[in-house]
């Protein structure tokens, strides 16, 4: 490079950095699928809060649900009081069986889900694997 052309040197340096970033682009790998809490299992006049109904994203039939049976799921929520150094808490559960023919699953959690969780998100993890 010629002396006194500092701007040119900087420009070339920036281009080389951009090229390096493109080469090392990483893909994000999620180990879970999102799901929504629809409510508790219920009949016309009773509801059973020990079993929750979950709609898993991208699952639309009873046959697709069979892959998810036995998988673990987590309901993560934010509490007011800090516990163990964090405001976030988690209730773990697992997929028990399908519910109907439209891809909804029944799930049991370690403690029953609170009513404020209706409509909230859960994470359906890809383990334990049956493969």
N, C-alpha and C. Protein backbone atom coordinates (compact mmCIF):
# COMPACT_ATOMS: atom_id res chain seq x y z
N UNK A 1 0.84 -1.19 0.00
CA UNK A 1 0.00 0.00 0.00
C UNK A 1 0.88 1.24 0.00
N UNK A 2 0.33 2.30 -0.50
CA UNK A 2 1.03 3.57 -0.58
C UNK A 2 0.86 4.31 0.73
N UNK A 3 1.96 5.00 1.16
CA UNK A 3 1.87 5.76 2.40
C UNK A 3 0.82 6.87 2.29
N UNK A 4 0.16 7.13 3.40
CA UNK A 4 -0.80 8.22 3.43
C UNK A 4 -2.21 7.80 3.01
N UNK A 5 -2.40 6.55 2.66
CA UNK A 5 -3.75 6.10 2.27
C UNK A 5 -4.31 5.18 3.35
N UNK A 6 -4.48 5.73 4.52
CA UNK A 6 -4.94 4.95 5.67
C UNK A 6 -6.36 4.42 5.46
N UNK A 7 -7.22 5.24 4.87
CA UNK A 7 -8.61 4.83 4.67
C UNK A 7 -8.71 3.57 3.82
N UNK A 8 -7.86 3.45 2.83
CA UNK A 8 -7.87 2.28 1.95
C UNK A 8 -7.49 1.03 2.73
N UNK A 9 -6.50 1.13 3.58
CA UNK A 9 -6.04 -0.01 4.37
C UNK A 9 -7.16 -0.49 5.29
N UNK A 10 -7.85 0.44 5.94
CA UNK A 10 -8.94 0.08 6.84
C UNK A 10 -10.06 -0.61 6.07
N UNK A 11 -10.38 -0.11 4.88
CA UNK A 11 -11.45 -0.69 4.09
C UNK A 11 -11.14 -2.14 3.72
N UNK A 12 -9.92 -2.40 3.31
CA UNK A 12 -9.54 -3.77 2.96
C UNK A 12 -9.61 -4.68 4.18
N UNK A 13 -9.23 -4.17 5.33
CA UNK A 13 -9.27 -4.95 6.57
C UNK A 13 -10.71 -5.34 6.90
N UNK A 14 -11.64 -4.39 6.75
CA UNK A 14 -13.04 -4.67 7.05
C UNK A 14 -13.61 -5.73 6.11
N UNK A 15 -13.23 -5.68 4.84
CA UNK A 15 -13.70 -6.69 3.89
C UNK A 15 -13.22 -8.08 4.28
N UNK A 16 -11.98 -8.17 4.74
CA UNK A 16 -11.46 -9.49 5.12
C UNK A 16 -12.19 -10.03 6.34
N UNK A 17 -12.59 -9.17 7.26
CA UNK A 17 -13.34 -9.61 8.44
C UNK A 17 -14.71 -10.14 8.01
N UNK A 18 -15.38 -9.44 7.09
CA UNK A 18 -16.70 -9.88 6.63
C UNK A 18 -16.61 -11.25 5.97
N UNK A 19 -15.58 -11.48 5.19
CA UNK A 19 -15.43 -12.78 4.53
C UNK A 19 -15.24 -13.89 5.56
N UNK A 20 -14.48 -13.62 6.59
CA UNK A 20 -14.26 -14.63 7.63
C UNK A 20 -15.56 -14.96 8.35
N UNK A 21 -16.38 -13.95 8.62
CA UNK A 21 -17.63 -14.19 9.33
C UNK A 21 -18.57 -15.07 8.51
N UNK A 22 -18.61 -14.85 7.20
CA UNK A 22 -19.49 -15.65 6.35
C UNK A 22 -19.07 -17.11 6.36
N UNK A 23 -17.76 -17.37 6.37
CA UNK A 23 -17.28 -18.74 6.36
C UNK A 23 -17.63 -19.47 7.64
N UNK A 24 -17.65 -18.77 8.77
CA UNK A 24 -17.87 -19.41 10.06
C UNK A 24 -19.29 -19.19 10.57
N UNK A 25 -20.27 -19.09 9.66
CA UNK A 25 -21.65 -18.91 10.12
C UNK A 25 -22.15 -20.20 10.77
N UNK A 26 -22.74 -20.06 11.95
CA UNK A 26 -23.21 -21.21 12.70
C UNK A 26 -24.72 -21.32 12.60
N UNK A 27 -25.23 -22.54 12.58
CA UNK A 27 -26.67 -22.74 12.62
C UNK A 27 -27.08 -22.98 14.07
N UNK A 28 -28.22 -22.42 14.44
CA UNK A 28 -28.75 -22.61 15.78
C UNK A 28 -29.46 -23.96 15.81
N UNK A 29 -29.11 -24.77 16.79
CA UNK A 29 -29.70 -26.10 16.91
C UNK A 29 -30.55 -26.15 18.18
N UNK A 30 -31.86 -26.21 18.02
CA UNK A 30 -32.75 -26.28 19.18
C UNK A 30 -33.04 -27.74 19.50
N UNK A 31 -33.02 -28.05 20.77
CA UNK A 31 -33.35 -29.40 21.20
C UNK A 31 -34.78 -29.50 21.68
N UNK A 32 -35.59 -28.52 21.31
CA UNK A 32 -37.00 -28.58 21.71
C UNK A 32 -37.89 -27.99 20.63
N UNK A 33 -39.18 -28.34 20.73
CA UNK A 33 -40.22 -27.80 19.86
C UNK A 33 -41.16 -27.02 20.75
N UNK A 34 -41.67 -25.92 20.25
CA UNK A 34 -42.60 -25.14 21.06
C UNK A 34 -43.98 -25.77 21.07
N UNK A 35 -44.67 -25.59 22.18
CA UNK A 35 -46.04 -26.05 22.31
C UNK A 35 -46.85 -25.03 23.09
N UNK A 36 -48.17 -25.09 22.99
CA UNK A 36 -49.04 -24.19 23.74
C UNK A 36 -49.92 -24.98 24.68
N UNK A 37 -50.15 -24.43 25.84
CA UNK A 37 -51.02 -25.07 26.82
C UNK A 37 -52.46 -24.66 26.50
N UNK A 38 -53.30 -25.64 26.25
CA UNK A 38 -54.70 -25.36 25.91
C UNK A 38 -55.59 -25.34 27.14
N UNK A 39 -55.28 -26.18 28.12
CA UNK A 39 -56.11 -26.25 29.31
C UNK A 39 -55.94 -27.59 29.97
N UNK A 40 -56.84 -27.90 30.91
CA UNK A 40 -56.82 -29.19 31.57
C UNK A 40 -57.69 -30.18 30.80
N UNK A 41 -57.45 -31.47 31.01
CA UNK A 41 -58.35 -32.49 30.51
C UNK A 41 -59.68 -32.30 31.22
N UNK A 42 -60.80 -32.43 30.50
CA UNK A 42 -62.08 -32.15 31.14
C UNK A 42 -63.22 -32.88 30.47
N UNK A 43 -64.33 -32.92 31.18
CA UNK A 43 -65.59 -33.39 30.60
C UNK A 43 -66.54 -32.19 30.60
N UNK A 44 -67.80 -32.45 30.42
CA UNK A 44 -68.72 -31.32 30.34
C UNK A 44 -68.77 -30.50 31.64
N UNK A 45 -68.78 -31.20 32.77
CA UNK A 45 -68.93 -30.48 34.03
C UNK A 45 -67.72 -30.58 34.96
N UNK A 46 -66.78 -31.48 34.69
CA UNK A 46 -65.61 -31.63 35.56
C UNK A 46 -64.34 -31.33 34.78
N UNK A 47 -63.32 -30.89 35.52
CA UNK A 47 -62.00 -30.80 34.89
C UNK A 47 -60.99 -31.51 35.77
N UNK A 48 -59.96 -32.04 35.12
CA UNK A 48 -58.96 -32.84 35.81
C UNK A 48 -57.61 -32.15 35.69
N UNK A 49 -57.23 -31.36 36.70
CA UNK A 49 -56.01 -30.53 36.59
C UNK A 49 -54.71 -31.32 36.63
N UNK A 50 -54.78 -32.64 36.94
CA UNK A 50 -53.55 -33.43 36.95
C UNK A 50 -53.10 -33.80 35.54
N UNK A 51 -53.92 -33.55 34.52
CA UNK A 51 -53.56 -33.82 33.12
C UNK A 51 -53.82 -32.56 32.30
N UNK A 52 -52.80 -32.12 31.56
CA UNK A 52 -52.93 -30.91 30.74
C UNK A 52 -52.95 -31.27 29.27
N UNK A 53 -53.62 -30.43 28.47
CA UNK A 53 -53.67 -30.62 27.02
C UNK A 53 -52.71 -29.63 26.36
N UNK A 54 -51.83 -30.15 25.51
CA UNK A 54 -50.79 -29.35 24.88
C UNK A 54 -50.89 -29.50 23.36
N UNK A 55 -50.83 -28.37 22.65
CA UNK A 55 -50.76 -28.39 21.18
C UNK A 55 -49.31 -28.19 20.79
N UNK A 56 -48.68 -29.20 20.20
CA UNK A 56 -47.27 -29.11 19.79
C UNK A 56 -47.23 -28.53 18.38
N UNK A 57 -46.31 -27.58 18.16
CA UNK A 57 -46.20 -26.92 16.86
C UNK A 57 -45.85 -27.92 15.76
N UNK A 58 -46.58 -27.90 14.66
CA UNK A 58 -46.28 -28.75 13.52
C UNK A 58 -46.83 -30.15 13.61
N UNK A 59 -47.58 -30.47 14.66
CA UNK A 59 -48.16 -31.80 14.82
C UNK A 59 -49.66 -31.69 14.59
N UNK A 60 -50.16 -32.39 13.55
CA UNK A 60 -51.56 -32.25 13.18
C UNK A 60 -52.34 -33.55 13.12
N UNK A 61 -51.72 -34.67 13.49
CA UNK A 61 -52.45 -35.94 13.42
C UNK A 61 -52.02 -36.86 14.56
N UNK A 62 -52.84 -37.86 14.80
CA UNK A 62 -52.59 -38.83 15.86
C UNK A 62 -51.31 -39.62 15.60
N UNK A 63 -51.00 -39.88 14.33
CA UNK A 63 -49.81 -40.66 13.97
C UNK A 63 -48.53 -39.88 14.28
N UNK A 64 -48.55 -38.56 14.08
CA UNK A 64 -47.37 -37.73 14.38
C UNK A 64 -47.12 -37.63 15.88
N UNK A 65 -48.18 -37.74 16.67
CA UNK A 65 -48.05 -37.64 18.13
C UNK A 65 -47.25 -38.81 18.69
N UNK A 66 -47.34 -39.98 18.04
CA UNK A 66 -46.70 -41.18 18.58
C UNK A 66 -45.19 -40.99 18.77
N UNK A 67 -44.55 -40.15 17.94
CA UNK A 67 -43.11 -39.89 18.10
C UNK A 67 -42.84 -39.12 19.39
N UNK A 68 -43.78 -38.28 19.80
CA UNK A 68 -43.58 -37.43 20.98
C UNK A 68 -43.94 -38.12 22.29
N UNK A 69 -44.58 -39.28 22.27
CA UNK A 69 -45.00 -39.89 23.53
C UNK A 69 -43.77 -40.28 24.36
N UNK A 70 -43.79 -39.88 25.62
CA UNK A 70 -42.66 -40.13 26.52
C UNK A 70 -41.65 -39.02 26.56
N UNK A 71 -41.75 -38.04 25.66
CA UNK A 71 -40.79 -36.94 25.64
C UNK A 71 -41.04 -36.01 26.82
N UNK A 72 -39.96 -35.40 27.31
CA UNK A 72 -40.05 -34.48 28.45
C UNK A 72 -40.43 -33.08 27.96
N UNK A 73 -41.10 -32.35 28.82
CA UNK A 73 -41.45 -30.97 28.49
C UNK A 73 -41.29 -30.09 29.71
N UNK A 74 -41.11 -28.80 29.48
CA UNK A 74 -40.87 -27.84 30.56
C UNK A 74 -41.75 -26.62 30.38
N UNK A 75 -42.42 -26.22 31.47
CA UNK A 75 -43.14 -24.96 31.52
C UNK A 75 -42.26 -24.00 32.30
N UNK A 76 -41.74 -22.98 31.63
CA UNK A 76 -40.82 -22.03 32.27
C UNK A 76 -41.56 -20.73 32.50
N UNK A 77 -41.48 -20.22 33.72
CA UNK A 77 -42.19 -18.99 34.05
C UNK A 77 -41.30 -18.11 34.92
N UNK A 78 -41.69 -16.85 35.04
CA UNK A 78 -40.91 -15.89 35.81
C UNK A 78 -41.66 -15.58 37.11
N UNK A 79 -40.94 -15.71 38.23
CA UNK A 79 -41.54 -15.46 39.55
C UNK A 79 -41.04 -14.13 40.09
N UNK A 80 -41.73 -13.60 41.08
CA UNK A 80 -41.37 -12.30 41.64
C UNK A 80 -40.15 -12.41 42.55
N UNK A 81 -40.10 -13.47 43.36
CA UNK A 81 -39.03 -13.63 44.35
C UNK A 81 -37.91 -14.47 43.74
N UNK A 82 -36.67 -14.02 43.96
CA UNK A 82 -35.51 -14.76 43.46
C UNK A 82 -35.29 -16.02 44.28
N UNK A 83 -35.04 -17.14 43.60
CA UNK A 83 -34.79 -18.41 44.27
C UNK A 83 -33.65 -19.09 43.53
N UNK A 84 -32.65 -19.55 44.24
CA UNK A 84 -31.46 -20.15 43.63
C UNK A 84 -30.78 -19.21 42.64
N UNK A 85 -30.82 -17.91 42.94
CA UNK A 85 -30.12 -16.93 42.12
C UNK A 85 -30.81 -16.52 40.83
N UNK A 86 -32.07 -16.91 40.63
CA UNK A 86 -32.76 -16.54 39.40
C UNK A 86 -34.26 -16.34 39.65
N UNK A 87 -34.86 -15.54 38.80
CA UNK A 87 -36.31 -15.33 38.88
C UNK A 87 -37.08 -16.39 38.11
N UNK A 88 -36.40 -17.12 37.23
CA UNK A 88 -37.07 -18.11 36.39
C UNK A 88 -37.21 -19.44 37.11
N UNK A 89 -38.38 -20.06 36.93
CA UNK A 89 -38.63 -21.38 37.51
C UNK A 89 -39.20 -22.29 36.44
N UNK A 90 -39.19 -23.58 36.74
CA UNK A 90 -39.57 -24.55 35.73
C UNK A 90 -40.37 -25.68 36.36
N UNK A 91 -41.43 -26.10 35.67
CA UNK A 91 -42.18 -27.28 36.07
C UNK A 91 -42.00 -28.31 34.95
N UNK A 92 -41.46 -29.47 35.32
CA UNK A 92 -41.18 -30.52 34.33
C UNK A 92 -42.36 -31.47 34.21
N UNK A 93 -42.55 -32.00 33.01
CA UNK A 93 -43.60 -32.97 32.77
C UNK A 93 -43.23 -33.86 31.60
N UNK A 94 -44.15 -34.73 31.23
CA UNK A 94 -43.90 -35.55 30.04
C UNK A 94 -45.18 -35.87 29.31
N UNK A 95 -45.03 -36.14 28.00
CA UNK A 95 -46.15 -36.47 27.14
C UNK A 95 -46.61 -37.88 27.48
N UNK A 96 -47.90 -38.04 27.75
CA UNK A 96 -48.46 -39.33 28.14
C UNK A 96 -49.06 -40.06 26.94
N UNK A 97 -49.94 -39.38 26.20
CA UNK A 97 -50.65 -40.04 25.10
C UNK A 97 -51.32 -38.99 24.22
N UNK A 98 -51.85 -39.39 23.05
CA UNK A 98 -52.58 -38.42 22.22
C UNK A 98 -53.94 -38.10 22.83
N UNK A 99 -54.51 -36.98 22.40
CA UNK A 99 -55.85 -36.58 22.84
C UNK A 99 -56.63 -36.24 21.58
N UNK A 100 -57.47 -37.16 21.15
CA UNK A 100 -58.25 -36.94 19.93
C UNK A 100 -57.42 -37.25 18.69
N UNK A 101 -57.88 -36.76 17.54
CA UNK A 101 -57.26 -37.08 16.26
C UNK A 101 -56.54 -35.91 15.62
N UNK A 102 -56.47 -34.76 16.31
CA UNK A 102 -55.95 -33.56 15.67
C UNK A 102 -54.54 -33.16 16.14
N UNK A 103 -53.81 -34.06 16.78
CA UNK A 103 -52.43 -33.77 17.14
C UNK A 103 -52.23 -33.15 18.50
N UNK A 104 -53.25 -33.11 19.32
CA UNK A 104 -53.10 -32.58 20.68
C UNK A 104 -52.63 -33.72 21.59
N UNK A 105 -51.77 -33.39 22.56
CA UNK A 105 -51.25 -34.43 23.45
C UNK A 105 -51.70 -34.17 24.88
N UNK A 106 -51.77 -35.25 25.66
CA UNK A 106 -52.01 -35.14 27.10
C UNK A 106 -50.65 -35.21 27.78
N UNK A 107 -50.47 -34.39 28.80
CA UNK A 107 -49.20 -34.36 29.51
C UNK A 107 -49.45 -34.29 31.01
N UNK A 108 -48.58 -34.93 31.76
CA UNK A 108 -48.63 -34.85 33.22
C UNK A 108 -47.37 -34.15 33.69
N UNK A 109 -47.54 -33.19 34.57
CA UNK A 109 -46.42 -32.42 35.11
C UNK A 109 -46.16 -32.83 36.55
N UNK A 110 -44.95 -32.53 37.03
CA UNK A 110 -44.55 -32.92 38.39
C UNK A 110 -45.51 -32.34 39.41
N UNK A 111 -45.84 -31.06 39.26
CA UNK A 111 -46.94 -30.47 40.03
C UNK A 111 -47.91 -29.90 39.01
N UNK A 112 -49.17 -29.87 39.35
CA UNK A 112 -50.19 -29.42 38.39
C UNK A 112 -49.87 -28.01 37.90
N UNK A 113 -50.15 -27.75 36.63
CA UNK A 113 -49.89 -26.42 36.08
C UNK A 113 -50.87 -25.41 36.69
N UNK A 114 -50.39 -24.20 36.99
CA UNK A 114 -51.29 -23.17 37.54
C UNK A 114 -52.25 -22.66 36.46
N UNK A 115 -53.41 -22.15 36.85
CA UNK A 115 -54.37 -21.65 35.86
C UNK A 115 -53.83 -20.51 35.01
N UNK A 116 -52.87 -19.73 35.52
CA UNK A 116 -52.32 -18.62 34.72
C UNK A 116 -51.49 -19.11 33.55
N UNK A 117 -51.19 -20.41 33.51
CA UNK A 117 -50.37 -20.95 32.43
C UNK A 117 -51.17 -21.22 31.16
N UNK A 118 -52.50 -21.14 31.22
CA UNK A 118 -53.32 -21.43 30.03
C UNK A 118 -52.97 -20.46 28.91
N UNK A 119 -52.67 -21.00 27.75
CA UNK A 119 -52.29 -20.17 26.61
C UNK A 119 -50.80 -19.89 26.54
N UNK A 120 -50.05 -20.28 27.58
CA UNK A 120 -48.61 -20.02 27.61
C UNK A 120 -47.87 -21.07 26.80
N UNK A 121 -46.56 -20.87 26.66
CA UNK A 121 -45.71 -21.77 25.88
C UNK A 121 -45.06 -22.81 26.78
N UNK A 122 -44.82 -23.99 26.21
CA UNK A 122 -44.00 -25.01 26.85
C UNK A 122 -42.93 -25.43 25.85
N UNK A 123 -41.87 -26.01 26.35
CA UNK A 123 -40.83 -26.56 25.50
C UNK A 123 -40.94 -28.08 25.53
N UNK A 124 -41.14 -28.69 24.37
CA UNK A 124 -41.20 -30.14 24.27
C UNK A 124 -39.84 -30.60 23.77
N UNK A 125 -39.07 -31.23 24.63
CA UNK A 125 -37.70 -31.61 24.30
C UNK A 125 -37.66 -32.90 23.50
N UNK A 126 -36.55 -33.09 22.79
CA UNK A 126 -36.39 -34.24 21.90
C UNK A 126 -35.83 -35.46 22.62
N UNK A 127 -35.84 -35.47 23.92
CA UNK A 127 -35.35 -36.63 24.66
C UNK A 127 -36.37 -37.00 25.73
N UNK A 128 -36.39 -38.22 26.22
CA UNK A 128 -35.55 -39.36 25.85
C UNK A 128 -35.93 -39.89 24.46
N UNK A 129 -34.92 -40.32 23.72
CA UNK A 129 -35.14 -40.76 22.35
C UNK A 129 -35.54 -42.23 22.30
N UNK A 130 -36.43 -42.57 21.37
CA UNK A 130 -36.87 -43.95 21.20
C UNK A 130 -36.12 -44.64 20.06
N UNK A 131 -35.24 -43.89 19.40
CA UNK A 131 -34.55 -44.44 18.21
C UNK A 131 -33.43 -45.38 18.63
